[in-house]
Amino acid sequence: MGRNAAHTRHPQQEELPIPPKPVETRINDRIRVPQVRVVGADGAQIGLLSTREALEMARSAGLDLVEVSPTSRPPVCRIMDYGKFKYEANKRQRKAKKNQHVMRMKEVKLRPKVDDHDYTFKVKHAREFLGERDKVKFTVTFRGRELAHIDLGQKLVQRVIADLVDIGQVETPAKMEGRMLVMVMVPKPGAAPHKPAPKPGEPGRQAPHGTEAPESPATEG
């Protein structure tokens, strides 16, 4: 009996941590403690009051009593317009989310014997990518006998770094990956951001030839 039970025992499952519930802000009648420390609507310290007195003070001013520090003993409450407070907080949150930038990886492809015109074209777009606060992956591809002249690729990468030093810095130094020399640059902190081009349909819109790439654009020489 015991032996069969051992064979039917289920393996112990790993218990996943339960995320904590968001702390709900208590206001007005939801504040149940007998005494609170009160801060006025103008930020002035009023002091210790019974919760009933504090609530009456808030209501007489047409405002709310809001618990702002529930872990204090006694809790700290502030007299304020809670609806306006929530509106302003949500507005700031939406603005911060709108301004948040997710850094993407863009790619610029080069050849070890790239001519000056193509080089200038590629570096110009790399500058735009860095100005838009994205990473740029440079790949120098060697074909056939070009592998015997990796030094040309190294010199080319150093030229790129020098031409973009005002807006970018090296994150991953150049290294060989198969037949490619790969180097990654990231935006330099404090560098002036690139002014985005007009959207399609706007005056002055010019789509540069060969730059269409949605997620990981690459310009190849």
Protein backbone atom coordinates (compact mmCIF):
# COMPACT_ATOMS: atom_id res chain seq x y z
CA MET A 1 0.00 0.00 0.00
CA GLY A 2 2.71 2.42 1.02
CA ARG A 3 4.86 1.41 -1.96
CA ASN A 4 2.08 2.08 -4.46
CA ALA A 5 1.35 5.42 -2.81
CA ALA A 6 4.96 6.43 -3.30
CA HIS A 7 4.66 5.69 -7.03
CA THR A 8 1.51 7.81 -7.36
CA ARG A 9 2.97 10.81 -5.56
CA HIS A 10 2.82 13.90 -7.74
CA PRO A 11 5.98 15.93 -8.16
CA GLN A 12 6.03 19.08 -6.07
CA GLN A 13 5.14 22.11 -8.15
CA GLU A 14 7.09 25.30 -7.80
CA GLU A 15 5.02 27.96 -6.10
CA LEU A 16 5.07 31.23 -7.99
CA PRO A 17 5.13 34.41 -5.91
CA ILE A 18 1.83 36.24 -5.78
CA PRO A 19 2.27 39.89 -6.80
CA PRO A 20 1.21 42.30 -4.08
CA LYS A 21 -2.09 44.06 -4.53
CA PRO A 22 -1.85 47.79 -5.20
CA VAL A 23 -2.35 49.82 -2.05
CA GLU A 24 -5.66 51.67 -2.20
CA THR A 25 -5.60 55.26 -1.04
CA ARG A 26 -8.08 55.77 1.77
CA ILE A 27 -10.08 58.96 1.75
CA ASN A 28 -12.82 60.50 3.91
CA ASP A 29 -15.03 57.86 5.61
CA ARG A 30 -12.66 55.04 4.63
CA ILE A 31 -10.11 56.37 7.13
CA ARG A 32 -11.01 54.32 10.22
CA VAL A 33 -8.22 55.17 12.69
CA PRO A 34 -9.23 57.34 15.67
CA GLN A 35 -6.51 59.98 15.24
CA VAL A 36 -4.50 61.43 12.35
CA ARG A 37 -1.80 64.00 11.75
CA VAL A 38 -3.26 66.62 9.42
CA VAL A 39 -1.63 68.73 6.72
CA GLY A 40 -3.70 71.59 5.34
CA ALA A 41 -4.55 72.24 1.71
CA ASP A 42 -1.80 74.90 1.64
CA GLY A 43 0.79 72.45 2.97
CA ALA A 44 0.81 73.87 6.49
CA GLN A 45 1.12 71.45 9.41
CA ILE A 46 -2.13 71.49 11.40
CA GLY A 47 -1.15 68.77 13.86
CA LEU A 48 -2.90 65.89 15.62
CA LEU A 49 -6.67 65.77 15.33
CA SER A 50 -9.32 63.16 15.77
CA THR A 51 -10.31 61.71 12.44
CA ARG A 52 -13.81 63.11 12.88
CA GLU A 53 -12.46 66.65 13.43
CA ALA A 54 -10.15 66.37 10.43
CA LEU A 55 -12.97 65.11 8.23
CA GLU A 56 -15.26 67.95 9.29
CA MET A 57 -12.49 70.45 8.56
CA ALA A 58 -12.03 69.03 5.06
CA ARG A 59 -15.77 68.98 4.32
CA SER A 60 -16.25 72.54 5.54
CA ALA A 61 -13.66 73.61 2.95
CA GLY A 62 -15.39 71.57 0.23
CA LEU A 63 -12.37 69.24 0.02
CA ASP A 64 -11.38 65.67 0.90
CA LEU A 65 -9.34 64.13 3.68
CA VAL A 66 -6.73 61.92 2.02
CA GLU A 67 -4.39 59.48 3.77
CA VAL A 68 -0.95 60.22 2.29
CA SER A 69 1.25 58.25 4.71
CA PRO A 70 -0.64 55.20 6.00
CA THR A 71 2.43 53.60 7.67
CA SER A 72 3.07 56.55 9.98
CA ARG A 73 1.84 56.39 13.56
CA PRO A 74 -0.58 58.04 13.53
CA PRO A 75 -1.21 58.15 9.77
CA VAL A 76 -0.66 61.45 7.98
CA CYS A 77 -3.64 62.88 6.10
CA ARG A 78 -3.86 65.88 3.85
CA ILE A 79 -6.81 68.07 3.02
CA MET A 80 -7.08 68.36 -0.77
CA ASP A 81 -9.28 68.09 -3.83
CA TYR A 82 -8.78 64.38 -4.44
CA GLY A 83 -10.50 64.35 -7.84
CA LYS A 84 -8.20 67.10 -9.10
CA PHE A 85 -5.19 65.35 -7.55
CA LYS A 86 -5.97 62.09 -9.39
CA TYR A 87 -6.56 63.93 -12.65
CA GLU A 88 -3.20 65.70 -12.45
CA ALA A 89 -1.41 62.47 -11.47
CA ASN A 90 -2.92 60.58 -14.43
CA LYS A 91 -2.05 63.46 -16.74
CA ARG A 92 1.61 63.36 -15.63
CA GLN A 93 1.68 59.57 -16.04
CA ARG A 94 0.29 59.76 -19.59
CA LYS A 95 2.79 62.46 -20.50
CA ALA A 96 5.70 60.43 -19.10
CA LYS A 97 4.54 57.35 -21.01
CA LYS A 98 4.22 59.37 -24.21
CA ASN A 99 7.73 60.75 -23.85
CA GLN A 100 9.22 57.37 -23.00
CA HIS A 101 11.46 56.06 -25.77
CA VAL A 102 12.16 52.38 -26.36
CA MET A 103 15.68 52.07 -27.73
CA ARG A 104 15.79 49.94 -30.87
CA MET A 105 18.69 48.42 -32.75
CA LYS A 106 19.24 49.84 -36.24
CA GLU A 107 21.82 48.46 -38.66
CA VAL A 108 24.18 50.05 -41.15
CA LYS A 109 26.02 47.74 -43.55
CA LEU A 110 29.36 48.70 -45.06
CA ARG A 111 31.96 47.17 -47.36
CA PRO A 112 35.68 47.47 -46.61
CA LYS A 113 36.31 49.43 -49.84
CA VAL A 114 33.20 51.63 -49.70
CA ASP A 115 33.50 54.81 -51.77
CA ASP A 116 33.26 58.24 -50.17
CA HIS A 117 29.74 58.95 -51.47
CA ASP A 118 28.26 55.73 -50.05
CA TYR A 119 30.20 56.17 -46.83
CA THR A 120 28.82 59.69 -46.33
CA PHE A 121 25.29 58.43 -47.05
CA LYS A 122 25.56 55.60 -44.49
CA VAL A 123 27.12 57.74 -41.76
CA LYS A 124 24.42 60.38 -42.28
CA HIS A 125 21.71 57.83 -41.52
CA ALA A 126 23.65 56.41 -38.61
CA ARG A 127 23.76 59.94 -37.19
CA GLU A 128 19.98 60.20 -37.60
CA PHE A 129 19.47 56.86 -35.79
CA LEU A 130 21.68 57.93 -32.90
CA GLY A 131 19.91 61.30 -32.79
CA GLU A 132 16.61 59.43 -32.43
CA ARG A 133 18.13 57.69 -29.36
CA ASP A 134 18.53 54.28 -31.00
CA LYS A 135 21.50 51.93 -31.08
CA VAL A 136 23.35 51.41 -34.34
CA LYS A 137 24.99 48.14 -35.34
CA PHE A 138 27.70 48.58 -37.98
CA THR A 139 28.62 45.49 -40.00
CA VAL A 140 31.55 45.43 -42.41
CA THR A 141 31.16 42.36 -44.66
CA PHE A 142 34.22 40.74 -46.26
CA ARG A 143 33.94 38.65 -49.39
CA GLY A 144 36.47 36.25 -50.85
CA ARG A 145 40.02 37.60 -50.75
CA GLU A 146 38.90 40.65 -48.76
CA LEU A 147 39.30 38.51 -45.63
CA ALA A 148 43.04 38.93 -46.05
CA HIS A 149 42.59 42.67 -45.45
CA ILE A 150 40.62 42.87 -42.21
CA ASP A 151 42.75 45.88 -41.32
CA LEU A 152 40.78 47.90 -43.92
CA GLY A 153 37.61 47.13 -41.97
CA GLN A 154 39.24 48.15 -38.71
CA LYS A 155 40.32 51.48 -40.22
CA LEU A 156 36.80 52.00 -41.58
CA VAL A 157 35.26 51.39 -38.15
CA GLN A 158 37.67 53.85 -36.54
CA ARG A 159 36.68 56.42 -39.17
CA VAL A 160 33.00 55.89 -38.30
CA ILE A 161 33.70 56.36 -34.59
CA ALA A 162 35.62 59.57 -35.25
CA ASP A 163 32.88 60.99 -37.50
CA LEU A 164 30.15 60.26 -34.93
CA VAL A 165 32.06 61.08 -31.75
CA ASP A 166 29.89 64.14 -31.06
CA ILE A 167 26.66 62.13 -30.90
CA GLY A 168 27.57 58.49 -30.24
CA GLN A 169 29.89 56.25 -28.27
CA VAL A 170 31.00 52.64 -28.64
CA GLU A 171 29.03 50.08 -26.66
CA THR A 172 30.47 46.92 -28.24
CA PRO A 173 33.98 47.25 -29.74
CA ALA A 174 34.55 45.91 -33.23
CA LYS A 175 35.02 42.14 -33.44
CA MET A 176 34.87 39.51 -36.16
CA GLU A 177 31.73 37.39 -36.43
CA GLY A 178 32.31 34.98 -39.29
CA ARG A 179 32.91 37.13 -42.37
CA MET A 180 31.67 40.31 -40.71
CA LEU A 181 33.33 42.90 -38.52
CA VAL A 182 30.65 44.09 -36.08
CA MET A 183 30.59 47.19 -33.86
CA VAL A 184 27.71 48.73 -31.88
CA MET A 185 27.33 52.41 -30.98
CA VAL A 186 24.81 54.00 -28.61
CA PRO A 187 23.69 57.62 -28.25
CA LYS A 188 26.03 59.77 -26.21
CA PRO A 189 24.35 61.13 -23.04
CA GLY A 190 23.53 64.81 -23.36
CA ALA A 191 23.95 64.91 -27.14
CA ALA A 192 21.38 67.03 -29.00
CA PRO A 193 18.53 64.84 -30.31
CA HIS A 194 17.89 64.58 -34.03
CA LYS A 195 14.89 66.55 -35.29
CA PRO A 196 12.48 64.00 -36.83
CA ALA A 197 11.54 64.33 -40.49
CA PRO A 198 7.95 65.36 -41.38
CA LYS A 199 5.39 62.57 -41.48
CA PRO A 200 4.04 61.34 -44.86
CA GLY A 201 1.77 63.97 -46.37
CA GLU A 202 3.35 66.85 -44.46
CA PRO A 203 5.16 69.67 -46.33
CA GLY A 204 8.84 69.02 -46.87
CA ARG A 205 8.57 65.23 -46.70
CA GLN A 206 11.35 63.58 -48.67
CA ALA A 207 11.87 59.86 -48.38
CA PRO A 208 15.62 59.14 -48.65
CA HIS A 209 16.36 56.43 -51.18
CA GLY A 210 17.15 53.04 -49.66
CA THR A 211 16.22 53.82 -46.06
CA GLU A 212 12.88 52.01 -45.84
CA ALA A 213 13.08 49.49 -43.00
CA PRO A 214 10.43 49.15 -40.29
CA GLU A 215 12.01 47.47 -37.28
CA SER A 216 15.68 46.99 -38.02
CA PRO A 217 16.58 49.10 -41.06
CA ALA A 218 19.83 48.40 -42.80
CA THR A 219 21.67 50.34 -45.45
CA GLU A 220 23.98 48.18 -47.50
CA GLY A 221 26.89 49.14 -49.63
